[in-house]
Protein backbone atom coordinates (compact mmCIF):
# COMPACT_ATOMS: atom_id res chain seq x y z
CA MET A 1 85.35 113.93 82.59
CA GLU A 2 87.79 114.71 85.37
CA GLU A 3 90.03 111.87 86.47
CA MET A 4 89.45 110.33 89.89
CA VAL A 5 91.90 108.52 92.14
CA CYS A 6 91.28 105.54 94.39
CA SER A 7 92.15 106.56 97.94
CA ASN A 8 93.16 102.98 98.77
CA CYS A 9 95.57 102.05 95.97
CA ARG A 10 96.21 105.44 94.22
CA LEU A 11 95.08 104.17 90.79
CA ILE A 12 93.95 106.95 88.45
CA ILE A 13 90.49 106.19 87.03
CA SER A 14 88.99 107.99 84.04
CA HIS A 15 85.43 106.62 84.37
CA GLY A 16 83.24 104.61 86.70
CA ASP A 17 82.46 104.79 90.39
CA LYS A 18 84.56 101.85 91.56
CA CYS A 19 88.28 101.10 91.38
CA PRO A 20 88.95 98.29 88.89
CA LEU A 21 92.14 97.34 90.73
CA CYS A 22 91.06 96.99 94.38
CA GLY A 23 87.26 97.33 94.14
CA SER A 24 87.03 100.33 96.46
CA SER A 25 84.42 103.03 95.91
CA ASN A 26 86.47 105.50 97.96
CA LEU A 27 87.44 107.82 95.08
CA THR A 28 88.64 111.41 95.18
CA ARG A 29 89.30 114.31 92.82
CA ARG A 30 91.80 115.84 95.25
CA TRP A 31 95.15 114.51 94.12
CA SER A 32 98.35 115.64 92.40
CA GLY A 33 101.27 114.16 90.49
CA TYR A 34 101.42 111.24 88.09
CA LEU A 35 103.42 108.06 88.57
CA ILE A 36 103.56 105.87 85.48
CA VAL A 37 104.68 102.36 86.40
CA LEU A 38 105.99 100.41 83.42
CA ASN A 39 107.64 97.57 85.33
CA ALA A 40 106.36 97.22 88.90
CA ASP A 41 108.77 94.37 89.65
CA MET A 42 111.84 96.50 88.91
CA SER A 43 110.68 99.92 90.16
CA GLU A 44 112.01 101.01 93.54
CA ILE A 45 109.36 103.73 93.77
CA ALA A 46 106.59 101.20 93.08
CA LYS A 47 108.00 98.96 95.83
CA LYS A 48 108.05 101.84 98.32
CA LEU A 49 104.42 102.70 97.48
CA ASP A 50 103.42 99.00 97.52
CA ILE A 51 102.36 99.08 93.86
CA LYS A 52 102.38 95.67 92.23
CA VAL A 53 100.84 96.32 88.78
CA ASN A 54 101.80 98.42 85.78
CA SER A 55 99.47 101.41 85.42
CA VAL A 56 99.13 105.14 86.18
CA PHE A 57 98.94 106.24 89.80
CA ALA A 58 98.69 109.46 91.80
CA LEU A 59 101.73 110.51 93.80
CA ASN A 60 99.82 112.55 96.37
CA ILE A 61 96.25 112.28 97.64
CA LYS A 62 95.12 115.43 99.42
CA ASP A 63 93.01 115.21 102.58
């Protein structure tokens, strides 16, 4: 199965039709780039993207 990305919080989702992080059903297959957050509290990139949990996120969501 192709990975999906939540358009709201950028979380990469491997299955399901709803984001387990924010609850949104606004998912897309049009994304690029991985961001692996290991320590959201210490990551400057996570802070700039308003990411508060450790997980795998998309860097770019295409319109």
